[in-house]
Amino acid sequence: MPQYSVTLRDNSAHSNNTKAIAAEEPIIHDLFEHRTGTWQYVVADPSTLVAVIIDPVLDYDPATQVVTTQTADSLISLIREEGYKVDRILETHVHADHLTAASYLQNRLALEQGYRPPIGIGKRIEQVQKLFGQKYGIPAKEYENTFGKLFDDDEVFNIGNLRSIAIHLPGHTPDHLGYKIGDNVFCGDSLFNADIGTARCDFPGGSANNLFDSARKLLDLPGHTKIWTGHDYPPNERGAPVPWMSVRDHRAQNTHLRDSITRGKFVALRKERDSKLGEPKLLHHALQVNIRAGKLPSPMESGGHRMIHLPLKQEGVEW
């Protein structure tokens, strides 16, 4: 089996490994999954050690069709070592580039802590599930009610004593959410780092105009606010992946969204770039698992295999 590299970094304001930070600000652990370029987060309230997991990754090797859990298990190890109790698992949207580990983690945590944390996502997920359920011929019973919490726009919720807000950020996908926790926003695939810009908008329900509005919503926040991204694909000249940038730095440096870029220029730039992008390598695999909140397809009665559907493209003459 290939070995998947995961980078773990603790971004809390610790001093000498203590958790002496302001009660209103979270402890943040960012974990980078190199194979899919995905940032995962464990965010905890320092006063209660209640935590959430944001956008966890399930390992999948398309060459062998093997699913493994070492990346998700590293999250479990971190949570155990820090003494956290996970209150929720949060998804920003239905990802098209990696399989979510949400259901696996939910089951593991139910055993570890005696509490089964709900998987949260935006309320528009049901539209996305129906769309891709029909596209791939997935029985509705396999994706209905798989998410335990559907957030309303601007819904306030607590992580221990931390006040958090679910922010609707459409554009990349119509159901997309960000989570504001203290002076931090976990923006999923809305904004990338300044040298990359923003995420594509050519998926069903995507919109460059909507993404511009969502980005301005983020960049209208106070300048010190940290925007934590869902992915990084660092160019060679930069080197290491970076999990966050401040609103102030995005407004000055973001190649797609700095203050001098108008809506019209952004929409034209985004549409031109999207027209040249190929589909994500794990698009069909990811969507079929992720509308199920990470549950694998039910085993077939004959042979017990779990199956996903992949479209064939025919080129040349009819045959």
C-alpha atoms as a PDB file:
ATOM      1  CA  MET A   1       0.000   0.000   0.000  1.00  0.00           C
ATOM      2  CA  PRO A   2       1.254   3.534  -0.692  1.00  0.00           C
ATOM      3  CA  GLN A   3       2.085   5.615   2.353  1.00  0.00           C
ATOM      4  CA  TYR A   4       0.164   8.869   2.610  1.00  0.00           C
ATOM      5  CA  SER A   5       1.937  11.807   4.195  1.00  0.00           C
ATOM      6  CA  VAL A   6       0.105  13.914   6.747  1.00  0.00           C
ATOM      7  CA  THR A   7       1.561  17.082   8.218  1.00  0.00           C
ATOM      8  CA  LEU A   8       0.414  17.974  11.725  1.00  0.00           C
ATOM      9  CA  ARG A   9       0.922  21.441  13.131  1.00  0.00           C
ATOM     10  CA  ASP A  10      -0.510  23.047  16.255  1.00  0.00           C
ATOM     11  CA  ASN A  11      -1.567  26.641  15.609  1.00  0.00           C
ATOM     12  CA  SER A  12      -2.856  27.456  19.072  1.00  0.00           C
ATOM     13  CA  ALA A  13      -1.248  30.365  20.869  1.00  0.00           C
ATOM     14  CA  HIS A  14       0.512  28.008  23.263  1.00  0.00           C
ATOM     15  CA  SER A  15       3.370  29.113  25.475  1.00  0.00           C
ATOM     16  CA  ASN A  16       5.659  26.323  26.732  1.00  0.00           C
ATOM     17  CA  ASN A  17       3.047  23.790  25.603  1.00  0.00           C
ATOM     18  CA  THR A  18       0.331  25.223  27.814  1.00  0.00           C
ATOM     19  CA  LYS A  19      -3.151  26.210  26.727  1.00  0.00           C
ATOM     20  CA  ALA A  20      -3.057  29.689  28.265  1.00  0.00           C
ATOM     21  CA  ILE A  21      -4.970  31.508  25.564  1.00  0.00           C
ATOM     22  CA  ALA A  22      -7.951  33.806  25.548  1.00  0.00           C
ATOM     23  CA  ALA A  23     -11.141  31.919  26.292  1.00  0.00           C
ATOM     24  CA  GLU A  24     -12.895  33.358  23.239  1.00  0.00           C
ATOM     25  CA  GLU A  25     -10.244  32.049  20.818  1.00  0.00           C
ATOM     26  CA  PRO A  26      -9.897  28.371  19.868  1.00  0.00           C
ATOM     27  CA  ILE A  27      -6.991  25.985  19.844  1.00  0.00           C
ATOM     28  CA  ILE A  28      -6.474  25.085  16.176  1.00  0.00           C
ATOM     29  CA  HIS A  29      -4.633  22.050  14.845  1.00  0.00           C
ATOM     30  CA  ASP A  30      -4.156  22.015  11.072  1.00  0.00           C
ATOM     31  CA  LEU A  31      -3.345  18.721   9.362  1.00  0.00           C
ATOM     32  CA  PHE A  32      -2.354  18.617   5.700  1.00  0.00           C
ATOM     33  CA  GLU A  33      -3.119  15.535   3.614  1.00  0.00           C
ATOM     34  CA  HIS A  34      -0.546  15.642   0.821  1.00  0.00           C
ATOM     35  CA  ARG A  35      -2.098  13.244  -1.669  1.00  0.00           C
ATOM     36  CA  THR A  36      -5.186  15.426  -2.241  1.00  0.00           C
ATOM     37  CA  GLY A  37      -3.735  18.743  -1.021  1.00  0.00           C
ATOM     38  CA  THR A  38      -6.421  18.995   1.660  1.00  0.00           C
ATOM     39  CA  TRP A  39      -6.297  20.903   4.933  1.00  0.00           C
ATOM     40  CA  GLN A  40      -8.183  19.257   7.794  1.00  0.00           C
ATOM     41  CA  TYR A  41      -8.756  20.963  11.117  1.00  0.00           C
ATOM     42  CA  VAL A  42      -9.369  20.066  14.732  1.00  0.00           C
ATOM     43  CA  VAL A  43     -10.683  23.140  16.546  1.00  0.00           C
ATOM     44  CA  ALA A  44     -11.103  23.085  20.325  1.00  0.00           C
ATOM     45  CA  ASP A  45     -12.369  25.288  23.138  1.00  0.00           C
ATOM     46  CA  PRO A  46      -9.460  25.654  25.587  1.00  0.00           C
ATOM     47  CA  SER A  47     -11.744  26.038  28.585  1.00  0.00           C
ATOM     48  CA  THR A  48     -13.784  22.840  28.088  1.00  0.00           C
ATOM     49  CA  LEU A  49     -11.696  20.824  25.573  1.00  0.00           C
ATOM     50  CA  VAL A  50     -14.825  20.356  23.462  1.00  0.00           C
ATOM     51  CA  ALA A  51     -13.742  20.157  19.817  1.00  0.00           C
ATOM     52  CA  VAL A  52     -14.925  19.851  16.238  1.00  0.00           C
ATOM     53  CA  ILE A  53     -13.307  18.235  13.214  1.00  0.00           C
ATOM     54  CA  ILE A  54     -13.574  20.087   9.902  1.00  0.00           C
ATOM     55  CA  ASP A  55     -13.316  18.411   6.457  1.00  0.00           C
ATOM     56  CA  PRO A  56     -11.554  15.114   7.341  1.00  0.00           C
ATOM     57  CA  VAL A  57     -10.065  12.903   4.610  1.00  0.00           C
ATOM     58  CA  LEU A  58     -10.520   9.190   3.943  1.00  0.00           C
ATOM     59  CA  ASP A  59      -7.550   7.686   2.079  1.00  0.00           C
ATOM     60  CA  TYR A  60      -8.348   6.201  -1.310  1.00  0.00           C
ATOM     61  CA  ASP A  61      -5.991   4.737  -3.900  1.00  0.00           C
ATOM     62  CA  PRO A  62      -7.686   4.775  -7.317  1.00  0.00           C
ATOM     63  CA  ALA A  63      -5.053   2.421  -8.766  1.00  0.00           C
ATOM     64  CA  THR A  64      -6.023  -0.395  -6.410  1.00  0.00           C
ATOM     65  CA  GLN A  65      -9.539   0.765  -5.383  1.00  0.00           C
ATOM     66  CA  VAL A  66      -8.467   0.366  -1.742  1.00  0.00           C
ATOM     67  CA  VAL A  67      -9.836   2.615   1.002  1.00  0.00           C
ATOM     68  CA  THR A  68      -7.730   3.059   4.140  1.00  0.00           C
ATOM     69  CA  THR A  69      -8.005   5.213   7.247  1.00  0.00           C
ATOM     70  CA  GLN A  70      -4.518   6.191   8.366  1.00  0.00           C
ATOM     71  CA  THR A  71      -5.153   9.915   7.836  1.00  0.00           C
ATOM     72  CA  ALA A  72      -8.375   9.753   9.839  1.00  0.00           C
ATOM     73  CA  ASP A  73      -6.662   7.638  12.485  1.00  0.00           C
ATOM     74  CA  SER A  74      -4.064  10.369  12.930  1.00  0.00           C
ATOM     75  CA  LEU A  75      -6.928  12.700  13.853  1.00  0.00           C
ATOM     76  CA  ILE A  76      -8.166  10.196  16.428  1.00  0.00           C
ATOM     77  CA  SER A  77      -4.658   9.965  17.894  1.00  0.00           C
ATOM     78  CA  LEU A  78      -4.420  13.741  18.178  1.00  0.00           C
ATOM     79  CA  ILE A  79      -7.829  13.990  19.832  1.00  0.00           C
ATOM     80  CA  ARG A  80      -6.944  11.247  22.296  1.00  0.00           C
ATOM     81  CA  GLU A  81      -3.578  12.798  23.159  1.00  0.00           C
ATOM     82  CA  GLU A  82      -5.079  16.242  23.734  1.00  0.00           C
ATOM     83  CA  GLY A  83      -8.012  14.930  25.755  1.00  0.00           C
ATOM     84  CA  TYR A  84     -10.630  16.504  23.492  1.00  0.00           C
ATOM     85  CA  LYS A  85     -14.268  15.490  23.290  1.00  0.00           C
ATOM     86  CA  VAL A  86     -15.521  15.901  19.741  1.00  0.00           C
ATOM     87  CA  ASP A  87     -18.940  17.512  19.732  1.00  0.00           C
ATOM     88  CA  ARG A  88     -19.469  17.695  15.943  1.00  0.00           C
ATOM     89  CA  ILE A  89     -17.867  16.793  12.638  1.00  0.00           C
ATOM     90  CA  LEU A  90     -18.288  19.668  10.181  1.00  0.00           C
ATOM     91  CA  GLU A  91     -18.267  19.554   6.391  1.00  0.00           C
ATOM     92  CA  THR A  92     -17.994  22.742   4.379  1.00  0.00           C
ATOM     93  CA  HIS A  93     -19.587  21.084   1.301  1.00  0.00           C
ATOM     94  CA  VAL A  94     -19.718  17.876  -0.710  1.00  0.00           C
ATOM     95  CA  HIS A  95     -16.119  17.587  -1.863  1.00  0.00           C
ATOM     96  CA  ALA A  96     -15.268  16.492  -5.401  1.00  0.00           C
ATOM     97  CA  ASP A  97     -11.570  15.847  -4.849  1.00  0.00           C
ATOM     98  CA  HIS A  98     -11.360  13.581  -1.819  1.00  0.00           C
ATOM     99  CA  LEU A  99     -13.489  11.109   0.098  1.00  0.00           C
ATOM    100  CA  THR A 100     -14.682  12.333   3.468  1.00  0.00           C
ATOM    101  CA  ALA A 101     -13.830  10.390   6.611  1.00  0.00           C
ATOM    102  CA  ALA A 102     -16.810  11.858   8.484  1.00  0.00           C
ATOM    103  CA  SER A 103     -18.804   8.635   8.947  1.00  0.00           C
ATOM    104  CA  TYR A 104     -15.728   6.597   9.830  1.00  0.00           C
ATOM    105  CA  LEU A 105     -14.729   9.144  12.470  1.00  0.00           C
ATOM    106  CA  GLN A 106     -18.276   9.339  13.782  1.00  0.00           C
ATOM    107  CA  ASN A 107     -18.270   5.578  14.408  1.00  0.00           C
ATOM    108  CA  ARG A 108     -14.768   5.557  15.928  1.00  0.00           C
ATOM    109  CA  LEU A 109     -15.558   8.471  18.218  1.00  0.00           C
ATOM    110  CA  ALA A 110     -18.780   6.826  19.374  1.00  0.00           C
ATOM    111  CA  LEU A 111     -16.597   3.998  20.690  1.00  0.00           C
ATOM    112  CA  GLU A 112     -13.807   6.239  21.975  1.00  0.00           C
ATOM    113  CA  GLN A 113     -15.888   8.784  23.871  1.00  0.00           C
ATOM    114  CA  GLY A 114     -19.317   7.212  24.302  1.00  0.00           C
ATOM    115  CA  TYR A 115     -20.940   9.959  22.249  1.00  0.00           C
ATOM    116  CA  ARG A 116     -21.750   9.867  18.554  1.00  0.00           C
ATOM    117  CA  PRO A 117     -21.039  13.353  17.192  1.00  0.00           C
ATOM    118  CA  PRO A 118     -23.444  14.504  14.471  1.00  0.00           C
ATOM    119  CA  ILE A 119     -22.072  15.358  11.039  1.00  0.00           C
ATOM    120  CA  GLY A 120     -23.019  18.920  10.131  1.00  0.00           C
ATOM    121  CA  ILE A 121     -23.319  20.568   6.711  1.00  0.00           C
ATOM    122  CA  GLY A 122     -25.379  23.305   5.060  1.00  0.00           C
ATOM    123  CA  LYS A 123     -29.128  22.901   4.635  1.00  0.00           C
ATOM    124  CA  ARG A 124     -28.868  22.896   0.825  1.00  0.00           C
ATOM    125  CA  ILE A 125     -27.144  19.524   0.880  1.00  0.00           C
ATOM    126  CA  GLU A 126     -30.430  17.795   0.097  1.00  0.00           C
ATOM    127  CA  GLN A 127     -30.508  19.457  -3.349  1.00  0.00           C
ATOM    128  CA  VAL A 128     -26.959  18.255  -4.014  1.00  0.00           C
ATOM    129  CA  GLN A 129     -27.704  14.737  -2.785  1.00  0.00           C
ATOM    130  CA  LYS A 130     -30.748  14.427  -5.029  1.00  0.00           C
ATOM    131  CA  LEU A 131     -28.849  15.739  -8.062  1.00  0.00           C
ATOM    132  CA  PHE A 132     -25.913  13.357  -7.763  1.00  0.00           C
ATOM    133  CA  GLY A 133     -27.994  10.512  -6.389  1.00  0.00           C
ATOM    134  CA  GLN A 134     -29.998  10.543  -9.605  1.00  0.00           C
ATOM    135  CA  LYS A 135     -26.906  11.012 -11.770  1.00  0.00           C
ATOM    136  CA  TYR A 136     -25.172   7.960 -10.335  1.00  0.00           C
ATOM    137  CA  GLY A 137     -28.237   5.811  -9.698  1.00  0.00           C
ATOM    138  CA  ILE A 138     -27.805   5.763  -5.926  1.00  0.00           C
ATOM    139  CA  PRO A 139     -30.867   4.651  -3.931  1.00  0.00           C
ATOM    140  CA  ALA A 140     -32.206   7.553  -1.886  1.00  0.00           C
ATOM    141  CA  LYS A 141     -32.163   5.449   1.287  1.00  0.00           C
ATOM    142  CA  GLU A 142     -28.354   5.435   1.108  1.00  0.00           C
ATOM    143  CA  TYR A 143     -27.991   9.206   1.391  1.00  0.00           C
ATOM    144  CA  GLU A 144     -31.143  10.511   3.044  1.00  0.00           C
ATOM    145  CA  ASN A 145     -30.664  11.562   6.689  1.00  0.00           C
ATOM    146  CA  THR A 146     -26.951  10.740   6.616  1.00  0.00           C
ATOM    147  CA  PHE A 147     -26.104  14.213   7.937  1.00  0.00           C
ATOM    148  CA  GLY A 148     -27.252  14.732  11.488  1.00  0.00           C
ATOM    149  CA  LYS A 149     -27.213  18.522  11.459  1.00  0.00           C
ATOM    150  CA  LEU A 150     -28.255  20.824   8.597  1.00  0.00           C
ATOM    151  CA  PHE A 151     -27.204  24.391   9.341  1.00  0.00           C
ATOM    152  CA  ASP A 152     -29.303  27.406   8.448  1.00  0.00           C
ATOM    153  CA  ASP A 153     -27.553  30.456   7.009  1.00  0.00           C
ATOM    154  CA  ASP A 154     -25.867  32.444   9.807  1.00  0.00           C
ATOM    155  CA  GLU A 155     -26.898  29.880  12.405  1.00  0.00           C
ATOM    156  CA  VAL A 156     -25.099  30.354  15.704  1.00  0.00           C
ATOM    157  CA  PHE A 157     -23.871  27.313  17.613  1.00  0.00           C
ATOM    158  CA  ASN A 158     -21.429  26.631  20.417  1.00  0.00           C
ATOM    159  CA  ILE A 159     -18.241  24.603  20.598  1.00  0.00           C
ATOM    160  CA  GLY A 160     -17.957  24.360  24.348  1.00  0.00           C
ATOM    161  CA  ASN A 161     -17.921  28.036  25.333  1.00  0.00           C
ATOM    162  CA  LEU A 162     -16.896  29.242  21.880  1.00  0.00           C
ATOM    163  CA  ARG A 163     -19.487  31.083  19.814  1.00  0.00           C
ATOM    164  CA  SER A 164     -19.507  29.865  16.218  1.00  0.00           C
ATOM    165  CA  ILE A 165     -21.448  30.845  13.108  1.00  0.00           C
ATOM    166  CA  ALA A 166     -22.266  28.854   9.968  1.00  0.00           C
ATOM    167  CA  ILE A 167     -21.867  31.243   7.018  1.00  0.00           C
ATOM    168  CA  HIS A 168     -23.346  30.445   3.597  1.00  0.00           C
ATOM    169  CA  LEU A 169     -20.592  30.916   0.988  1.00  0.00           C
ATOM    170  CA  PRO A 170     -22.018  29.796  -2.387  1.00  0.00           C
ATOM    171  CA  GLY A 171     -20.023  29.936  -5.594  1.00  0.00           C
ATOM    172  CA  HIS A 172     -17.783  26.891  -5.649  1.00  0.00           C
ATOM    173  CA  THR A 173     -20.901  24.846  -4.868  1.00  0.00           C
ATOM    174  CA  PRO A 174     -24.412  26.047  -3.986  1.00  0.00           C
ATOM    175  CA  ASP A 175     -24.434  24.370  -0.554  1.00  0.00           C
ATOM    176  CA  HIS A 176     -21.044  25.666   0.573  1.00  0.00           C
ATOM    177  CA  LEU A 177     -20.559  26.839   4.171  1.00  0.00           C
ATOM    178  CA  GLY A 178     -17.784  28.488   6.125  1.00  0.00           C
ATOM    179  CA  TYR A 179     -17.484  28.256   9.895  1.00  0.00           C
ATOM    180  CA  LYS A 180     -16.521  31.353  11.874  1.00  0.00           C
ATOM    181  CA  ILE A 181     -15.032  30.429  15.247  1.00  0.00           C
ATOM    182  CA  GLY A 182     -13.658  33.362  17.176  1.00  0.00           C
ATOM    183  CA  ASP A 183     -11.522  35.444  14.824  1.00  0.00           C
ATOM    184  CA  ASN A 184     -11.122  32.536  12.403  1.00  0.00           C
ATOM    185  CA  VAL A 185     -13.141  31.436   9.381  1.00  0.00           C
ATOM    186  CA  PHE A 186     -12.737  27.939   7.986  1.00  0.00           C
ATOM    187  CA  CYS A 187     -13.755  28.753   4.435  1.00  0.00           C
ATOM    188  CA  GLY A 188     -13.504  25.359   2.718  1.00  0.00           C
ATOM    189  CA  ASP A 189     -12.952  25.778  -1.027  1.00  0.00           C
ATOM    190  CA  SER A 190     -13.998  29.432  -1.270  1.00  0.00           C
ATOM    191  CA  LEU A 191     -10.607  31.132  -1.007  1.00  0.00           C
ATOM    192  CA  PHE A 192      -7.190  29.636  -1.567  1.00  0.00           C
ATOM    193  CA  ASN A 193      -3.901  31.230  -0.662  1.00  0.00           C
ATOM    194  CA  ALA A 194      -3.090  34.545  -2.319  1.00  0.00           C
ATOM    195  CA  ASP A 195      -0.811  33.136  -5.024  1.00  0.00           C
ATOM    196  CA  ILE A 196      -3.559  30.709  -6.154  1.00  0.00           C
ATOM    197  CA  GLY A 197      -6.656  32.859  -5.599  1.00  0.00           C
ATOM    198  CA  THR A 198      -9.985  31.049  -5.545  1.00  0.00           C
ATOM    199  CA  ALA A 199     -11.645  27.729  -6.295  1.00  0.00           C
ATOM    200  CA  ARG A 200     -13.368  26.711  -9.511  1.00  0.00           C
ATOM    201  CA  CYS A 201     -17.038  27.538 -10.083  1.00  0.00           C
ATOM    202  CA  ASP A 202     -17.988  25.174 -12.917  1.00  0.00           C
ATOM    203  CA  PHE A 203     -19.619  22.415 -10.872  1.00  0.00           C
ATOM    204  CA  PRO A 204     -23.442  22.112 -11.000  1.00  0.00           C
ATOM    205  CA  GLY A 205     -24.880  25.098  -9.152  1.00  0.00           C
ATOM    206  CA  GLY A 206     -21.531  26.893  -9.100  1.00  0.00           C
ATOM    207  CA  SER A 207     -21.347  30.586  -9.953  1.00  0.00           C
ATOM    208  CA  ALA A 208     -18.454  33.001 -10.331  1.00  0.00           C
ATOM    209  CA  ASN A 209     -20.780  35.884  -9.448  1.00  0.00           C
ATOM    210  CA  ASN A 210     -21.842  34.117  -6.265  1.00  0.00           C
ATOM    211  CA  LEU A 211     -18.250  33.321  -5.376  1.00  0.00           C
ATOM    212  CA  PHE A 212     -17.312  36.983  -5.758  1.00  0.00           C
ATOM    213  CA  ASP A 213     -20.092  37.917  -3.338  1.00  0.00           C
ATOM    214  CA  SER A 214     -19.025  35.210  -0.892  1.00  0.00           C
ATOM    215  CA  ALA A 215     -15.418  36.331  -1.080  1.00  0.00           C
ATOM    216  CA  ARG A 216     -16.356  39.943  -0.426  1.00  0.00           C
ATOM    217  CA  LYS A 217     -18.383  38.775   2.567  1.00  0.00           C
ATOM    218  CA  LEU A 218     -15.216  37.186   3.934  1.00  0.00           C
ATOM    219  CA  LEU A 219     -12.940  40.069   3.033  1.00  0.00           C
ATOM    220  CA  ASP A 220     -15.264  42.601   4.657  1.00  0.00           C
ATOM    221  CA  LEU A 221     -14.413  41.018   8.024  1.00  0.00           C
ATOM    222  CA  PRO A 222     -11.861  42.798  10.255  1.00  0.00           C
ATOM    223  CA  GLY A 223      -8.375  42.741   8.781  1.00  0.00           C
ATOM    224  CA  HIS A 224      -6.862  40.551  11.508  1.00  0.00           C
ATOM    225  CA  THR A 225      -9.383  37.735  10.904  1.00  0.00           C
ATOM    226  CA  LYS A 226      -7.680  34.520   9.792  1.00  0.00           C
ATOM    227  CA  ILE A 227      -9.074  32.744   6.732  1.00  0.00           C
ATOM    228  CA  TRP A 228      -8.263  29.019   6.910  1.00  0.00           C
ATOM    229  CA  THR A 229      -8.451  27.370   3.496  1.00  0.00           C
ATOM    230  CA  GLY A 230      -9.601  23.883   2.537  1.00  0.00           C
ATOM    231  CA  HIS A 231      -6.734  23.155   0.135  1.00  0.00           C
ATOM    232  CA  ASP A 232      -3.307  24.278  -0.884  1.00  0.00           C
ATOM    233  CA  TYR A 233      -1.373  23.453  -4.018  1.00  0.00           C
ATOM    234  CA  PRO A 234       1.808  25.433  -3.384  1.00  0.00           C
ATOM    235  CA  PRO A 235       3.848  26.453  -6.417  1.00  0.00           C
ATOM    236  CA  ASN A 236       7.505  25.443  -6.351  1.00  0.00           C
ATOM    237  CA  GLU A 237       8.708  28.939  -5.532  1.00  0.00           C
ATOM    238  CA  ARG A 238       6.638  28.966  -2.329  1.00  0.00           C
ATOM    239  CA  GLY A 239       7.383  25.471  -1.115  1.00  0.00           C
ATOM    240  CA  ALA A 240       5.417  24.430   1.966  1.00  0.00           C
ATOM    241  CA  PRO A 241       1.595  24.499   2.113  1.00  0.00           C
ATOM    242  CA  VAL A 242       0.091  27.318   4.187  1.00  0.00           C
ATOM    243  CA  PRO A 243      -3.216  26.885   6.065  1.00  0.00           C
ATOM    244  CA  TRP A 244      -4.275  30.510   6.626  1.00  0.00           C
ATOM    245  CA  MET A 245      -3.863  34.130   5.632  1.00  0.00           C
ATOM    246  CA  SER A 246      -5.356  37.226   7.208  1.00  0.00           C
ATOM    247  CA  VAL A 247      -8.185  39.173   5.604  1.00  0.00           C
ATOM    248  CA  ARG A 248      -5.780  42.102   5.380  1.00  0.00           C
ATOM    249  CA  ASP A 249      -3.246  40.072   3.387  1.00  0.00           C
ATOM    250  CA  HIS A 250      -5.889  38.638   1.061  1.00  0.00           C
ATOM    251  CA  ARG A 251      -7.153  42.116   0.272  1.00  0.00           C
ATOM    252  CA  ALA A 252      -3.651  43.255  -0.589  1.00  0.00           C
ATOM    253  CA  GLN A 253      -2.261  40.154  -2.291  1.00  0.00           C
ATOM    254  CA  ASN A 254      -4.903  37.684  -3.491  1.00  0.00           C
ATOM    255  CA  THR A 255      -4.334  37.257  -7.211  1.00  0.00           C
ATOM    256  CA  HIS A 256      -8.075  36.960  -7.870  1.00  0.00           C
ATOM    257  CA  LEU A 257      -9.558  39.157  -5.167  1.00  0.00           C
ATOM    258  CA  ARG A 258      -7.280  41.962  -4.079  1.00  0.00           C
ATOM    259  CA  ASP A 259      -9.119  45.222  -3.645  1.00  0.00           C
ATOM    260  CA  SER A 260      -8.319  46.532  -7.131  1.00  0.00           C
ATOM    261  CA  ILE A 261     -10.131  43.625  -8.868  1.00  0.00           C
ATOM    262  CA  THR A 262     -13.720  44.359  -9.869  1.00  0.00           C
ATOM    263  CA  ARG A 263     -16.573  41.886 -10.099  1.00  0.00           C
ATOM    264  CA  GLY A 264     -16.448  41.908 -13.893  1.00  0.00           C
ATOM    265  CA  LYS A 265     -12.721  41.221 -13.980  1.00  0.00           C
ATOM    266  CA  PHE A 266     -13.039  38.419 -11.436  1.00  0.00           C
ATOM    267  CA  VAL A 267     -15.925  36.723 -13.247  1.00  0.00           C
ATOM    268  CA  ALA A 268     -14.097  36.884 -16.582  1.00  0.00           C
ATOM    269  CA  LEU A 269     -10.881  35.570 -15.035  1.00  0.00           C
ATOM    270  CA  ARG A 270     -12.633  32.748 -13.200  1.00  0.00           C
ATOM    271  CA  LYS A 271     -14.663  31.631 -16.222  1.00  0.00           C
ATOM    272  CA  GLU A 272     -11.600  31.632 -18.466  1.00  0.00           C
ATOM    273  CA  ARG A 273      -9.605  29.563 -16.003  1.00  0.00           C
ATOM    274  CA  ASP A 274     -12.453  27.111 -15.350  1.00  0.00           C
ATOM    275  CA  SER A 275     -12.855  26.482 -19.084  1.00  0.00           C
ATOM    276  CA  LYS A 276      -9.309  25.093 -19.165  1.00  0.00           C
ATOM    277  CA  LEU A 277      -9.489  22.863 -16.101  1.00  0.00           C
ATOM    278  CA  GLY A 278      -9.914  19.122 -16.300  1.00  0.00           C
ATOM    279  CA  GLU A 279     -12.262  17.357 -13.922  1.00  0.00           C
ATOM    280  CA  PRO A 280     -10.846  16.359 -10.515  1.00  0.00           C
ATOM    281  CA  LYS A 281      -9.270  12.899 -10.578  1.00  0.00           C
ATOM    282  CA  LEU A 282     -11.550  11.589  -7.845  1.00  0.00           C
ATOM    283  CA  LEU A 283     -14.684  13.450  -8.946  1.00  0.00           C
ATOM    284  CA  HIS A 284     -17.006  10.471  -9.448  1.00  0.00           C
ATOM    285  CA  HIS A 285     -15.609   8.433  -6.569  1.00  0.00           C
ATOM    286  CA  ALA A 286     -15.801  11.363  -4.149  1.00  0.00           C
ATOM    287  CA  LEU A 287     -19.290  12.571  -4.986  1.00  0.00           C
ATOM    288  CA  GLN A 288     -20.837   9.128  -4.626  1.00  0.00           C
ATOM    289  CA  VAL A 289     -19.295   8.624  -1.189  1.00  0.00           C
ATOM    290  CA  ASN A 290     -19.616  12.176   0.055  1.00  0.00           C
ATOM    291  CA  ILE A 291     -23.348  12.581  -0.543  1.00  0.00           C
ATOM    292  CA  ARG A 292     -23.554   9.601   1.830  1.00  0.00           C
ATOM    293  CA  ALA A 293     -21.508  11.595   4.423  1.00  0.00           C
ATOM    294  CA  GLY A 294     -18.610   9.204   3.890  1.00  0.00           C
ATOM    295  CA  LYS A 295     -20.502   5.936   4.159  1.00  0.00           C
ATOM    296  CA  LEU A 296     -19.382   3.426   1.573  1.00  0.00           C
ATOM    297  CA  PRO A 297     -21.956   1.971  -0.844  1.00  0.00           C
ATOM    298  CA  SER A 298     -23.904  -0.992   0.480  1.00  0.00           C
ATOM    299  CA  PRO A 299     -22.393  -4.393  -0.414  1.00  0.00           C
ATOM    300  CA  MET A 300     -23.931  -6.169  -3.358  1.00  0.00           C
ATOM    301  CA  GLU A 301     -25.938  -9.276  -2.550  1.00  0.00           C
ATOM    302  CA  SER A 302     -23.819 -11.243  -5.020  1.00  0.00           C
ATOM    303  CA  GLY A 303     -20.152 -11.262  -4.034  1.00  0.00           C
ATOM    304  CA  GLY A 304     -20.410  -8.600  -1.351  1.00  0.00           C
ATOM    305  CA  HIS A 305     -18.506  -5.996  -3.356  1.00  0.00           C
ATOM    306  CA  ARG A 306     -19.132  -2.304  -2.782  1.00  0.00           C
ATOM    307  CA  MET A 307     -19.584  -0.627  -6.169  1.00  0.00           C
ATOM    308  CA  ILE A 308     -19.362   2.897  -7.500  1.00  0.00           C
ATOM    309  CA  HIS A 309     -20.339   4.037 -10.975  1.00  0.00           C
ATOM    310  CA  LEU A 310     -17.849   5.579 -13.377  1.00  0.00           C
ATOM    311  CA  PRO A 311     -19.032   7.129 -16.667  1.00  0.00           C
ATOM    312  CA  LEU A 312     -17.493   5.926 -19.905  1.00  0.00           C
ATOM    313  CA  LYS A 313     -16.701   8.405 -22.676  1.00  0.00           C
ATOM    314  CA  GLN A 314     -16.895   7.176 -26.234  1.00  0.00           C
ATOM    315  CA  GLU A 315     -14.719   8.771 -28.879  1.00  0.00           C
ATOM    316  CA  GLY A 316     -14.670   8.218 -32.623  1.00  0.00           C
ATOM    317  CA  VAL A 317     -17.305   6.369 -34.669  1.00  0.00           C
ATOM    318  CA  GLU A 318     -20.363   4.755 -33.204  1.00  0.00           C
ATOM    319  CA  TRP A 319     -19.892   1.097 -32.302  1.00  0.00           C
END
